[in-house]
Amino acid sequence: MKWFLTIWAVPVFLLAAWYGLSYHDMSFGLFILSRDLHDMVFEIYGKILGMEPETIPPLVAKAILFDMLLIMAFVLFFRRLKPRERLARLFNRRKTVI
């Protein structure tokens, strides 16, 4: 399960890091992190998909969120976690001070 989560999380993290750095033009001298490449990539994707380049990042964010929910459901199913029991244990851990 650990490898499955790693294989899923690394590309998502790299995509988010690239998007954040290139959106704010923090290139550190690398063309791959420049705003010019950022705009070019989304322009190409926009032409391929037939939509405005500005609408693609929110769609990608929604897809990642949906994917994250599926992954969490998958992990919870295979670990057989019971959410109500976890919440009950979490709230019963409070220490009372007299």
Protein backbone atom coordinates (compact mmCIF):
# COMPACT_ATOMS: atom_id res chain seq x y z
CA MET A 1 0.00 0.00 0.00
CA LYS A 2 2.89 2.33 0.77
CA TRP A 3 4.28 1.94 -2.77
CA PHE A 4 0.85 2.51 -4.27
CA LEU A 5 0.45 5.80 -2.38
CA THR A 6 3.99 6.87 -3.27
CA ILE A 7 3.51 6.14 -6.96
CA TRP A 8 0.32 8.20 -6.87
CA ALA A 9 1.56 11.09 -4.71
CA VAL A 10 4.89 11.84 -6.39
CA PRO A 11 3.47 12.87 -9.80
CA VAL A 12 0.71 14.88 -8.14
CA PHE A 13 3.27 16.68 -5.98
CA LEU A 14 5.55 17.36 -8.95
CA LEU A 15 2.65 18.72 -11.01
CA ALA A 16 1.52 20.97 -8.16
CA ALA A 17 5.07 22.19 -7.54
CA TRP A 18 5.64 22.91 -11.24
CA TYR A 19 2.31 24.71 -11.53
CA GLY A 20 2.88 26.85 -8.45
CA LEU A 21 6.43 27.82 -9.30
CA SER A 22 5.75 28.49 -12.98
CA TYR A 23 2.51 30.38 -12.28
CA HIS A 24 4.39 32.78 -10.02
CA ASP A 25 7.41 32.81 -12.39
CA MET A 26 9.88 31.51 -9.80
CA SER A 27 12.10 29.99 -12.43
CA PHE A 28 15.46 30.00 -10.58
CA GLY A 29 17.05 30.32 -14.01
CA LEU A 30 15.35 27.19 -15.39
CA PHE A 31 13.21 27.50 -18.49
CA ILE A 32 10.94 24.66 -17.35
CA LEU A 33 9.78 26.79 -14.41
CA SER A 34 9.27 29.99 -16.41
CA ARG A 35 5.92 31.68 -16.94
CA ASP A 36 6.52 31.57 -20.70
CA LEU A 37 6.59 27.77 -20.72
CA HIS A 38 3.62 27.71 -18.34
CA ASP A 39 1.53 29.78 -20.73
CA MET A 40 2.74 27.77 -23.73
CA VAL A 41 1.82 24.43 -22.13
CA PHE A 42 -1.68 25.54 -21.27
CA GLU A 43 -2.13 27.14 -24.69
CA ILE A 44 -1.20 23.82 -26.34
CA TYR A 45 -3.52 21.86 -24.03
CA GLY A 46 -6.27 24.40 -24.72
CA LYS A 47 -5.91 23.95 -28.48
CA ILE A 48 -5.87 20.16 -28.15
CA LEU A 49 -8.97 20.14 -25.92
CA GLY A 50 -10.73 22.96 -27.76
CA MET A 51 -11.17 25.19 -24.72
CA GLU A 52 -9.72 28.32 -23.20
CA PRO A 53 -6.33 27.78 -21.49
CA GLU A 54 -7.57 29.56 -18.33
CA THR A 55 -10.22 26.89 -17.74
CA ILE A 56 -7.80 23.96 -17.66
CA PRO A 57 -6.10 24.45 -14.23
CA PRO A 58 -9.39 24.36 -12.25
CA LEU A 59 -10.39 21.21 -14.13
CA VAL A 60 -7.06 19.60 -13.26
CA ALA A 61 -7.50 20.60 -9.61
CA LYS A 62 -10.99 19.05 -9.55
CA ALA A 63 -9.63 15.87 -11.15
CA ILE A 64 -6.86 15.64 -8.55
CA LEU A 65 -9.37 16.18 -5.74
CA PHE A 66 -11.65 13.48 -7.13
CA ASP A 67 -8.67 11.17 -7.56
CA MET A 68 -7.61 11.86 -3.97
CA LEU A 69 -11.06 10.91 -2.72
CA LEU A 70 -10.96 7.67 -4.70
CA ILE A 71 -7.50 6.85 -3.35
CA MET A 72 -8.62 7.56 0.21
CA ALA A 73 -11.67 5.34 -0.23
CA PHE A 74 -9.44 2.62 -1.65
CA VAL A 75 -7.04 2.85 1.29
CA LEU A 76 -9.86 2.93 3.83
CA PHE A 77 -11.51 -0.07 2.23
CA PHE A 78 -8.39 -2.19 2.25
CA ARG A 79 -7.35 -1.20 5.75
CA ARG A 80 -10.87 -1.78 7.00
CA LEU A 81 -10.94 1.44 8.96
CA LYS A 82 -14.21 2.33 10.55
CA PRO A 83 -14.56 6.12 10.49
CA ARG A 84 -17.05 6.31 13.38
CA GLU A 85 -14.79 4.28 15.65
CA ARG A 86 -11.80 6.44 14.69
CA LEU A 87 -13.72 9.63 15.46
CA ALA A 88 -14.94 8.22 18.76
CA ARG A 89 -11.38 7.27 19.73
CA LEU A 90 -10.13 10.67 18.66
CA PHE A 91 -12.61 12.59 20.80
CA ASN A 92 -12.25 10.27 23.80
CA ARG A 93 -8.50 10.88 24.03
CA ARG A 94 -8.97 14.18 25.81
CA LYS A 95 -7.27 14.28 29.16
CA THR A 96 -9.25 15.76 32.01
CA VAL A 97 -7.31 17.88 34.44
CA ILE A 98 -8.63 18.14 37.97
